[in-house]
């Protein structure tokens, strides 16, 4: 089964709860083979993990962790570490 990207939530300066709400809304609007990605880069990797933990605490077993990808991204001359957390929803 191939997964389709429904939405990518890029974590930056806003509150964790605001991103968690965006993820929950996105998860509730996806179809069976779609995923929502929480993405953090550089200093926001920890916040992206906090967003996942808050979504998991609010939604419990109705969300499924599809995968976690860790890598690097080039921006200008610099490289930044990244994390992508893919989630799906089952009612």
Foldseek 3Di string as FASTA:
>chain_A
DAAAEQEEAEDDDDDLVVSLVVLVVSQVPDDDRYKYKYKYKAPCQVSSVVNVVVNCVVPPPQKDFPDKDWDWDDDPNDIIIMIITIMHGHD
